[in-house]
N, C-alpha and C. Protein backbone atom coordinates (compact mmCIF):
# COMPACT_ATOMS: atom_id res chain seq x y z
N UNK A 1 -40.30 -16.14 64.27
CA UNK A 1 -38.64 -16.34 64.53
C UNK A 1 -38.02 -15.03 65.20
N UNK A 2 -37.30 -15.34 65.99
CA UNK A 2 -36.59 -14.35 66.67
C UNK A 2 -35.52 -13.78 66.05
N UNK A 3 -35.36 -12.56 66.20
CA UNK A 3 -34.15 -11.73 65.60
C UNK A 3 -32.95 -11.88 66.33
N UNK A 4 -31.93 -12.57 65.73
CA UNK A 4 -30.64 -12.79 66.49
C UNK A 4 -29.50 -11.79 66.08
N UNK A 5 -29.71 -11.22 64.89
CA UNK A 5 -28.80 -10.40 64.50
C UNK A 5 -29.35 -9.64 63.29
N UNK A 6 -28.49 -8.64 62.75
CA UNK A 6 -29.10 -7.80 61.53
C UNK A 6 -29.38 -8.61 60.30
N UNK A 7 -28.62 -9.62 60.39
CA UNK A 7 -28.92 -10.59 59.04
C UNK A 7 -30.44 -11.25 58.97
N UNK A 8 -31.11 -11.16 60.21
CA UNK A 8 -32.41 -11.72 60.27
C UNK A 8 -33.54 -10.63 60.02
N UNK A 9 -33.02 -9.50 59.73
CA UNK A 9 -33.95 -8.25 59.41
C UNK A 9 -34.28 -8.52 57.99
N UNK A 10 -35.66 -8.43 57.74
CA UNK A 10 -35.97 -8.47 56.19
C UNK A 10 -35.44 -7.30 55.31
N UNK A 11 -35.22 -6.10 56.04
CA UNK A 11 -34.83 -5.08 55.22
C UNK A 11 -33.25 -5.15 54.98
N UNK A 12 -32.55 -5.83 55.71
CA UNK A 12 -31.10 -6.22 55.37
C UNK A 12 -30.97 -7.18 54.27
N UNK A 13 -31.92 -8.15 54.47
CA UNK A 13 -31.79 -9.28 53.36
C UNK A 13 -32.21 -8.64 52.09
N UNK A 14 -33.35 -7.94 51.94
CA UNK A 14 -33.61 -7.17 50.67
C UNK A 14 -32.45 -6.39 50.19
N UNK A 15 -32.10 -5.57 51.18
CA UNK A 15 -30.99 -4.69 50.74
C UNK A 15 -29.77 -5.28 50.19
N UNK A 16 -29.31 -6.35 50.84
CA UNK A 16 -28.08 -7.18 50.42
C UNK A 16 -28.34 -7.94 49.12
N UNK A 17 -29.55 -8.39 49.06
CA UNK A 17 -29.88 -9.02 47.69
C UNK A 17 -29.92 -8.11 46.61
N UNK A 18 -30.50 -6.86 46.75
CA UNK A 18 -30.42 -5.94 45.66
C UNK A 18 -29.17 -5.28 45.37
N UNK A 19 -28.38 -5.06 46.40
CA UNK A 19 -27.08 -4.62 46.37
C UNK A 19 -26.20 -5.55 45.31
N UNK A 20 -26.39 -6.94 45.46
CA UNK A 20 -25.76 -7.91 44.73
C UNK A 20 -26.23 -7.74 43.14
N UNK A 21 -27.36 -7.59 43.17
CA UNK A 21 -28.16 -7.47 41.70
C UNK A 21 -27.47 -6.13 41.04
N UNK A 22 -27.49 -5.09 41.69
CA UNK A 22 -26.74 -3.86 41.35
C UNK A 22 -25.37 -4.05 40.85
N UNK A 23 -24.69 -4.55 41.68
CA UNK A 23 -23.29 -4.91 41.41
C UNK A 23 -23.18 -5.66 40.03
N UNK A 24 -23.78 -6.73 39.91
CA UNK A 24 -23.74 -7.71 38.77
C UNK A 24 -24.01 -6.79 37.55
N UNK A 25 -25.35 -5.89 37.69
CA UNK A 25 -25.72 -5.29 36.51
C UNK A 25 -24.78 -4.17 36.13
N UNK A 26 -24.03 -3.49 37.23
CA UNK A 26 -23.15 -2.43 36.84
C UNK A 26 -21.99 -2.92 36.09
N UNK A 27 -21.56 -4.27 36.20
CA UNK A 27 -20.38 -4.78 35.48
C UNK A 27 -20.68 -4.99 34.01
N UNK A 28 -22.06 -4.96 33.58
CA UNK A 28 -22.36 -5.01 32.22
C UNK A 28 -22.35 -3.57 31.59
N UNK A 29 -21.98 -2.56 32.20
CA UNK A 29 -22.03 -1.18 31.63
C UNK A 29 -20.65 -0.92 30.92
N UNK A 30 -20.62 -0.04 30.06
CA UNK A 30 -19.63 0.15 29.26
C UNK A 30 -18.49 0.64 30.07
N UNK A 31 -17.08 0.40 29.73
CA UNK A 31 -15.86 0.42 30.52
C UNK A 31 -16.09 1.76 31.23
N UNK A 32 -16.15 2.77 30.65
CA UNK A 32 -15.93 4.14 31.29
C UNK A 32 -16.97 4.40 32.23
N UNK A 33 -18.39 3.76 32.19
CA UNK A 33 -19.26 3.91 33.08
C UNK A 33 -18.97 2.96 34.18
N UNK A 34 -18.33 1.93 34.18
CA UNK A 34 -18.01 1.16 35.30
C UNK A 34 -17.53 1.81 36.44
N UNK A 35 -16.70 2.83 35.95
CA UNK A 35 -15.81 3.54 37.01
C UNK A 35 -16.52 4.87 37.22
N UNK A 36 -17.58 5.28 36.63
CA UNK A 36 -18.25 6.44 36.97
C UNK A 36 -19.59 6.26 37.53
N UNK A 37 -20.60 6.02 36.81
CA UNK A 37 -21.84 5.88 37.25
C UNK A 37 -22.02 4.42 38.08
N UNK A 38 -21.34 3.52 37.35
CA UNK A 38 -21.42 2.11 38.10
C UNK A 38 -20.70 2.21 39.48
N UNK A 39 -19.73 2.80 39.75
CA UNK A 39 -19.06 3.02 40.97
C UNK A 39 -20.10 3.80 41.89
N UNK A 40 -20.72 4.77 41.53
CA UNK A 40 -21.53 5.53 42.45
C UNK A 40 -22.69 4.57 42.68
N UNK A 41 -23.47 3.98 41.93
CA UNK A 41 -24.53 3.09 42.12
C UNK A 41 -24.16 1.90 43.01
N UNK A 42 -23.00 1.49 42.80
CA UNK A 42 -22.57 0.22 43.68
C UNK A 42 -22.22 0.81 45.16
N UNK A 43 -21.66 1.90 45.30
CA UNK A 43 -21.42 2.55 46.74
C UNK A 43 -22.82 2.89 47.39
N UNK A 44 -23.69 3.48 46.61
CA UNK A 44 -24.97 3.58 47.17
C UNK A 44 -25.75 2.40 47.60
N UNK A 45 -25.69 1.45 46.77
CA UNK A 45 -26.34 0.12 46.91
C UNK A 45 -25.97 -0.64 48.14
N UNK A 46 -24.52 -0.69 48.35
CA UNK A 46 -23.89 -1.36 49.36
C UNK A 46 -24.12 -0.63 50.67
N UNK A 47 -24.20 0.70 50.44
CA UNK A 47 -24.57 1.53 51.74
C UNK A 47 -25.65 1.34 52.40
N UNK A 48 -26.70 0.67 51.75
CA UNK A 48 -28.09 0.27 52.27
C UNK A 48 -27.91 -0.78 53.40
N UNK A 49 -27.52 -1.91 53.05
CA UNK A 49 -27.11 -3.04 54.13
C UNK A 49 -26.22 -2.69 54.99
N UNK A 50 -25.26 -2.05 54.76
CA UNK A 50 -24.11 -1.54 55.49
C UNK A 50 -24.55 -0.76 56.64
N UNK A 51 -25.51 0.22 56.44
CA UNK A 51 -26.13 1.13 57.35
C UNK A 51 -26.98 0.35 58.34
N UNK A 52 -27.78 -0.50 57.76
CA UNK A 52 -28.70 -1.40 58.59
C UNK A 52 -27.82 -2.24 59.58
N UNK A 53 -26.63 -2.83 59.16
CA UNK A 53 -25.90 -3.57 59.84
C UNK A 53 -25.34 -2.80 61.00
N UNK A 54 -24.72 -1.63 60.61
CA UNK A 54 -24.02 -0.71 61.56
C UNK A 54 -25.03 -0.25 62.56
N UNK A 55 -26.23 0.13 62.20
CA UNK A 55 -27.04 0.72 62.92
C UNK A 55 -27.62 -0.43 64.00
N UNK A 56 -27.85 -1.85 63.49
CA UNK A 56 -28.19 -2.80 64.50
C UNK A 56 -27.34 -2.98 65.59
N UNK A 57 -25.92 -2.71 65.41
CA UNK A 57 -25.16 -2.83 66.35
C UNK A 57 -25.30 -1.78 67.44
N UNK A 58 -25.90 -0.81 67.06
CA UNK A 58 -26.28 0.13 68.33
C UNK A 58 -27.69 0.39 68.50
N UNK A 59 -28.43 -0.89 68.58
CA UNK A 59 -29.94 -1.08 68.37
C UNK A 59 -30.48 -0.88 69.85
N UNK A 60 -29.46 -0.79 70.91
CA UNK A 60 -29.75 -0.37 72.24
C UNK A 60 -30.28 1.01 72.38
N UNK A 61 -29.75 1.93 71.32
CA UNK A 61 -30.29 3.12 71.39
C UNK A 61 -31.22 3.40 70.25
N UNK A 62 -32.51 3.32 70.46
CA UNK A 62 -33.43 3.33 69.37
C UNK A 62 -33.16 4.67 68.38
N UNK A 63 -32.60 5.76 69.21
CA UNK A 63 -32.45 6.95 68.25
C UNK A 63 -31.37 6.92 67.27
N UNK A 64 -30.16 6.02 67.73
CA UNK A 64 -29.16 5.83 66.88
C UNK A 64 -29.34 4.96 65.81
N UNK A 65 -30.25 3.83 66.20
CA UNK A 65 -30.46 2.79 65.12
C UNK A 65 -31.55 3.35 64.05
N UNK A 66 -32.38 4.36 64.38
CA UNK A 66 -33.22 4.95 63.50
C UNK A 66 -32.45 5.82 62.62
N UNK A 67 -31.32 6.57 63.21
CA UNK A 67 -30.37 7.43 62.48
C UNK A 67 -29.77 6.60 61.17
N UNK A 68 -29.36 5.42 61.48
CA UNK A 68 -28.81 4.59 60.60
C UNK A 68 -29.80 4.04 59.61
N UNK A 69 -30.86 3.77 60.06
CA UNK A 69 -32.03 3.34 58.96
C UNK A 69 -32.35 4.44 58.20
N UNK A 70 -32.23 5.75 58.61
CA UNK A 70 -32.65 6.96 57.90
C UNK A 70 -31.36 6.99 56.82
N UNK A 71 -30.45 6.93 57.17
CA UNK A 71 -29.32 6.98 56.18
C UNK A 71 -29.40 5.80 55.27
N UNK A 72 -29.77 4.60 55.46
CA UNK A 72 -30.04 3.47 54.45
C UNK A 72 -31.18 4.08 53.51
N UNK A 73 -32.22 4.68 54.19
CA UNK A 73 -33.38 5.18 53.29
C UNK A 73 -32.79 6.17 52.25
N UNK A 74 -31.97 7.17 52.69
CA UNK A 74 -31.34 8.15 51.98
C UNK A 74 -30.59 7.36 50.65
N UNK A 75 -29.85 6.32 51.02
CA UNK A 75 -29.09 5.64 50.03
C UNK A 75 -30.10 4.91 49.09
N UNK A 76 -31.22 4.41 49.48
CA UNK A 76 -32.31 3.74 48.59
C UNK A 76 -32.67 4.88 47.61
N UNK A 77 -32.95 6.08 48.06
CA UNK A 77 -33.44 7.13 47.33
C UNK A 77 -32.23 7.36 46.14
N UNK A 78 -31.16 7.46 46.57
CA UNK A 78 -29.90 7.75 45.74
C UNK A 78 -29.83 6.60 44.67
N UNK A 79 -29.93 5.30 45.08
CA UNK A 79 -29.91 4.32 44.08
C UNK A 79 -30.97 4.31 43.12
N UNK A 80 -32.22 4.91 43.52
CA UNK A 80 -33.23 4.96 42.46
C UNK A 80 -32.88 5.88 41.47
N UNK A 81 -32.22 7.05 41.91
CA UNK A 81 -31.76 8.11 40.90
C UNK A 81 -30.87 7.52 39.95
N UNK A 82 -29.85 6.69 40.45
CA UNK A 82 -28.91 6.05 39.45
C UNK A 82 -29.51 4.98 38.63
N UNK A 83 -30.68 4.25 39.10
CA UNK A 83 -31.40 3.39 38.25
C UNK A 83 -32.02 4.09 37.02
N UNK A 84 -32.75 5.07 37.39
CA UNK A 84 -33.41 6.14 36.45
C UNK A 84 -32.22 6.36 35.30
N UNK A 85 -31.09 6.86 35.79
CA UNK A 85 -30.01 7.18 34.84
C UNK A 85 -29.59 6.11 33.90
N UNK A 86 -29.46 4.79 34.58
CA UNK A 86 -29.08 3.80 33.75
C UNK A 86 -30.05 3.36 32.69
N UNK A 87 -31.32 3.50 32.99
CA UNK A 87 -32.32 3.25 32.05
C UNK A 87 -32.38 4.38 31.05
N UNK A 88 -32.34 5.63 31.48
CA UNK A 88 -32.21 6.59 30.29
C UNK A 88 -31.10 6.60 29.37
N UNK A 89 -29.91 6.21 29.92
CA UNK A 89 -28.71 6.13 29.13
C UNK A 89 -28.58 4.79 28.47
N UNK A 90 -29.72 3.91 28.49
CA UNK A 90 -29.80 2.59 27.56
C UNK A 90 -28.73 1.77 28.32
N UNK A 91 -28.62 1.63 29.60
CA UNK A 91 -27.70 0.59 30.07
C UNK A 91 -28.61 -0.56 30.58
N UNK A 92 -29.78 -0.39 30.91
CA UNK A 92 -30.81 -1.42 31.19
C UNK A 92 -31.99 -1.31 30.56
N UNK A 93 -32.52 -2.59 30.26
CA UNK A 93 -33.89 -2.55 29.70
C UNK A 93 -35.09 -2.40 30.52
N UNK A 94 -36.15 -2.11 30.07
CA UNK A 94 -37.40 -1.87 30.72
C UNK A 94 -37.71 -2.80 31.72
N UNK A 95 -37.50 -3.99 31.59
CA UNK A 95 -37.84 -5.23 32.46
C UNK A 95 -37.06 -5.10 33.63
N UNK A 96 -35.72 -5.01 33.47
CA UNK A 96 -34.66 -4.81 34.34
C UNK A 96 -34.92 -3.55 35.44
N UNK A 97 -35.18 -2.41 34.60
CA UNK A 97 -35.51 -1.08 35.40
C UNK A 97 -36.60 -1.27 36.27
N UNK A 98 -37.82 -2.04 35.78
CA UNK A 98 -38.87 -2.20 36.44
C UNK A 98 -38.57 -2.92 37.76
N UNK A 99 -37.87 -3.80 37.59
CA UNK A 99 -37.66 -4.89 38.79
C UNK A 99 -36.80 -4.33 39.73
N UNK A 100 -35.86 -3.58 39.38
CA UNK A 100 -35.00 -2.86 40.19
C UNK A 100 -35.63 -1.62 40.89
N UNK A 101 -36.28 -1.00 40.28
CA UNK A 101 -37.04 0.23 40.76
C UNK A 101 -38.18 -0.24 41.76
N UNK A 102 -39.00 -1.23 41.49
CA UNK A 102 -39.95 -1.67 42.35
C UNK A 102 -39.24 -2.37 43.57
N UNK A 103 -38.23 -3.06 43.46
CA UNK A 103 -37.55 -3.68 44.57
C UNK A 103 -37.12 -2.66 45.43
N UNK A 104 -36.42 -1.58 45.02
CA UNK A 104 -36.01 -0.43 45.90
C UNK A 104 -37.14 0.26 46.60
N UNK A 105 -38.24 0.47 45.71
CA UNK A 105 -39.49 1.27 46.36
C UNK A 105 -39.95 0.40 47.38
N UNK A 106 -40.07 -0.83 47.19
CA UNK A 106 -40.60 -1.60 48.45
C UNK A 106 -39.57 -1.60 49.64
N UNK A 107 -38.35 -1.71 49.30
CA UNK A 107 -37.35 -1.63 50.34
C UNK A 107 -37.48 -0.21 51.20
N UNK A 108 -37.67 0.92 50.36
CA UNK A 108 -37.89 2.10 51.04
C UNK A 108 -39.16 2.07 51.94
N UNK A 109 -40.14 1.59 51.68
CA UNK A 109 -41.32 1.44 52.39
C UNK A 109 -41.13 0.70 53.59
N UNK A 110 -40.42 -0.40 53.44
CA UNK A 110 -40.18 -1.44 54.60
C UNK A 110 -39.33 -0.68 55.61
N UNK A 111 -38.26 0.26 55.07
CA UNK A 111 -37.41 0.74 55.81
C UNK A 111 -38.35 1.85 56.61
N UNK A 112 -39.16 2.71 56.05
CA UNK A 112 -39.92 3.64 56.79
C UNK A 112 -40.78 3.09 57.68
N UNK A 113 -41.47 1.96 57.45
CA UNK A 113 -42.21 1.41 58.46
C UNK A 113 -41.46 0.87 59.68
N UNK A 114 -40.18 0.29 59.40
CA UNK A 114 -39.23 -0.08 60.64
C UNK A 114 -39.04 1.10 61.41
N UNK A 115 -38.72 2.19 60.84
CA UNK A 115 -38.10 3.33 61.51
C UNK A 115 -39.40 3.91 62.39
N UNK A 116 -40.44 3.78 61.73
CA UNK A 116 -41.79 4.30 62.54
C UNK A 116 -42.07 3.44 63.59
N UNK A 117 -41.81 2.07 63.55
CA UNK A 117 -42.31 1.04 64.61
C UNK A 117 -41.22 0.74 65.61
N UNK A 118 -39.90 0.95 65.22
CA UNK A 118 -38.85 0.68 66.21
C UNK A 118 -39.02 1.41 67.60
N UNK A 119 -39.11 0.66 68.53
CA UNK A 119 -39.24 1.28 69.88
C UNK A 119 -39.26 2.81 69.95
N UNK A 120 -40.39 3.16 70.32
CA UNK A 120 -40.78 4.65 70.18
C UNK A 120 -39.80 5.75 70.96
N UNK A 121 -38.94 5.23 71.70
CA UNK A 121 -37.89 6.17 72.32
C UNK A 121 -37.15 6.75 71.33
N UNK A 122 -36.64 7.89 71.47
CA UNK A 122 -35.57 8.59 70.75
C UNK A 122 -36.36 9.27 69.46
């Protein structure tokens, strides 16, 4: 299948789906945390697909696209820290923690490989 836009990229689809899951999960946090930790994790999670989409719009420059993919990867790492905090504070159970943590770990690996393989220029 040919890639016609950023929404065709597997990393975008994964990032978007995980961001939706994070958003829903953060809505179950205590009220004070919805606006503190919840807001932080939502922003970081949304940043992943947003950076992929923005970078794809500049894909004619491999260097710029890779820059945005690296930003997305940084946001993946940030989300993982917040997921750890949510578990340690008792806001998510072990099963949810494992699913989210492994989802973001896989997404980080896929982003890394895309960065390495995307048009060697830049």
